[in-house]
Amino acid sequence: MLQMIMNSLDTDIFDLIFKCSSLGLPEKDSNDARSYLENNERGLAFDTLLTQIYEYDILIDGDIYRQIEAIARELSINAEDYAFITKLIRPNTY
């Protein structure tokens, strides 16, 4: 079994994967993102997660979007690189 030392960023990404899974992200996509994260590919895990929730039109609330913003800052990702996700925010939740 792969042993991984998790930091707070890893925990935040795992939490986001869990939340998106509970909103309807297919298990295969959740597993892909989790696998990338377990192999220390944080950016790829995050990108995969955002791409797939967008592809499946999975609506998120403002709290999840704020979590996305915080993770992106930690990964030094510019806001314009994930701005497409704002289309998924449910009205009156941000």
Protein backbone atom coordinates (compact mmCIF):
# COMPACT_ATOMS: atom_id res chain seq x y z
CA MET A 1 0.00 0.00 0.00
CA LEU A 2 1.28 3.44 -0.88
CA GLN A 3 2.13 5.45 2.19
CA MET A 4 1.85 9.17 1.82
CA ILE A 5 2.80 12.00 4.11
CA MET A 6 -0.07 14.43 3.87
CA ASN A 7 0.24 18.15 4.42
CA SER A 8 -2.62 20.58 4.78
CA LEU A 9 -2.76 21.20 1.02
CA ASP A 10 -3.13 17.47 0.37
CA THR A 11 -5.88 17.33 2.98
CA ASP A 12 -7.68 20.26 1.34
CA ILE A 13 -7.50 18.63 -2.10
CA PHE A 14 -8.70 15.28 -0.70
CA ASP A 15 -11.58 17.11 0.96
CA LEU A 16 -12.47 18.82 -2.32
CA ILE A 17 -12.41 15.46 -4.12
CA PHE A 18 -14.77 14.04 -1.50
CA LYS A 19 -17.15 17.00 -1.79
CA CYS A 20 -17.22 16.83 -5.58
CA SER A 21 -17.83 13.08 -5.40
CA SER A 22 -20.80 13.66 -3.14
CA LEU A 23 -22.14 16.17 -5.68
CA GLY A 24 -22.04 13.61 -8.48
CA LEU A 25 -18.50 13.41 -9.82
CA PRO A 26 -18.15 9.86 -11.18
CA GLU A 27 -16.04 7.48 -9.12
CA LYS A 28 -13.53 6.96 -11.94
CA ASP A 29 -12.75 10.67 -12.02
CA SER A 30 -12.53 10.90 -8.24
CA ASN A 31 -10.17 7.92 -8.24
CA ASP A 32 -8.02 9.50 -10.96
CA ALA A 33 -7.66 12.74 -8.99
CA ARG A 34 -6.97 10.80 -5.79
CA SER A 35 -4.33 8.70 -7.54
CA TYR A 36 -2.54 11.79 -8.85
CA LEU A 37 -2.55 13.28 -5.38
CA GLU A 38 -1.22 10.08 -3.82
CA ASN A 39 1.66 10.29 -6.30
CA ASN A 40 2.47 13.88 -5.26
CA GLU A 41 0.95 15.34 -8.42
CA ARG A 42 -1.09 18.01 -6.63
CA GLY A 43 -1.47 20.28 -9.64
CA LEU A 44 -2.56 17.44 -11.90
CA ALA A 45 -5.04 16.20 -9.27
CA PHE A 46 -6.51 19.69 -8.92
CA ASP A 47 -6.65 20.28 -12.68
CA THR A 48 -8.29 16.90 -13.28
CA LEU A 49 -10.86 17.59 -10.61
CA LEU A 50 -11.79 21.03 -11.96
CA THR A 51 -11.89 19.82 -15.55
CA GLN A 52 -14.18 16.93 -14.73
CA ILE A 53 -16.65 18.88 -12.57
CA TYR A 54 -16.86 21.36 -15.44
CA GLU A 55 -17.31 18.61 -18.05
CA TYR A 56 -20.14 17.06 -16.01
CA ASP A 57 -21.71 20.45 -15.18
CA ILE A 58 -21.58 19.71 -11.47
CA LEU A 59 -22.97 22.69 -9.62
CA ILE A 60 -21.02 23.91 -6.62
CA ASP A 61 -21.75 26.39 -3.87
CA GLY A 62 -19.78 29.41 -2.76
CA ASP A 63 -17.99 27.49 -0.02
CA ILE A 64 -16.59 24.99 -2.50
CA TYR A 65 -15.57 27.80 -4.83
CA ARG A 66 -13.73 29.53 -1.97
CA GLN A 67 -11.97 26.24 -1.26
CA ILE A 68 -10.98 26.06 -4.95
CA GLU A 69 -9.61 29.61 -4.71
CA ALA A 70 -7.59 28.78 -1.60
CA ILE A 71 -6.11 25.63 -3.14
CA ALA A 72 -5.28 27.49 -6.34
CA ARG A 73 -3.44 30.15 -4.34
CA GLU A 74 -1.42 27.45 -2.56
CA LEU A 75 -0.55 25.93 -5.94
CA SER A 76 0.31 29.38 -7.37
CA ILE A 77 -2.38 29.06 -10.04
CA ASN A 78 -3.67 32.31 -11.50
CA ALA A 79 -7.38 33.04 -11.09
CA GLU A 80 -7.93 33.28 -14.85
CA ASP A 81 -6.75 29.66 -15.19
CA TYR A 82 -9.77 28.38 -13.28
CA ALA A 83 -12.26 31.20 -13.96
CA PHE A 84 -14.36 28.80 -16.07
CA ILE A 85 -15.50 27.19 -12.81
CA THR A 86 -17.47 30.30 -11.84
CA LYS A 87 -20.16 29.17 -14.31
CA LEU A 88 -20.86 26.25 -11.96
CA ILE A 89 -21.57 28.30 -8.84
CA ARG A 90 -25.21 28.00 -7.81
CA PRO A 91 -26.93 31.38 -7.69
CA ASN A 92 -27.08 33.09 -4.31
CA THR A 93 -24.38 30.91 -2.75
CA TYR A 94 -21.32 33.09 -3.24
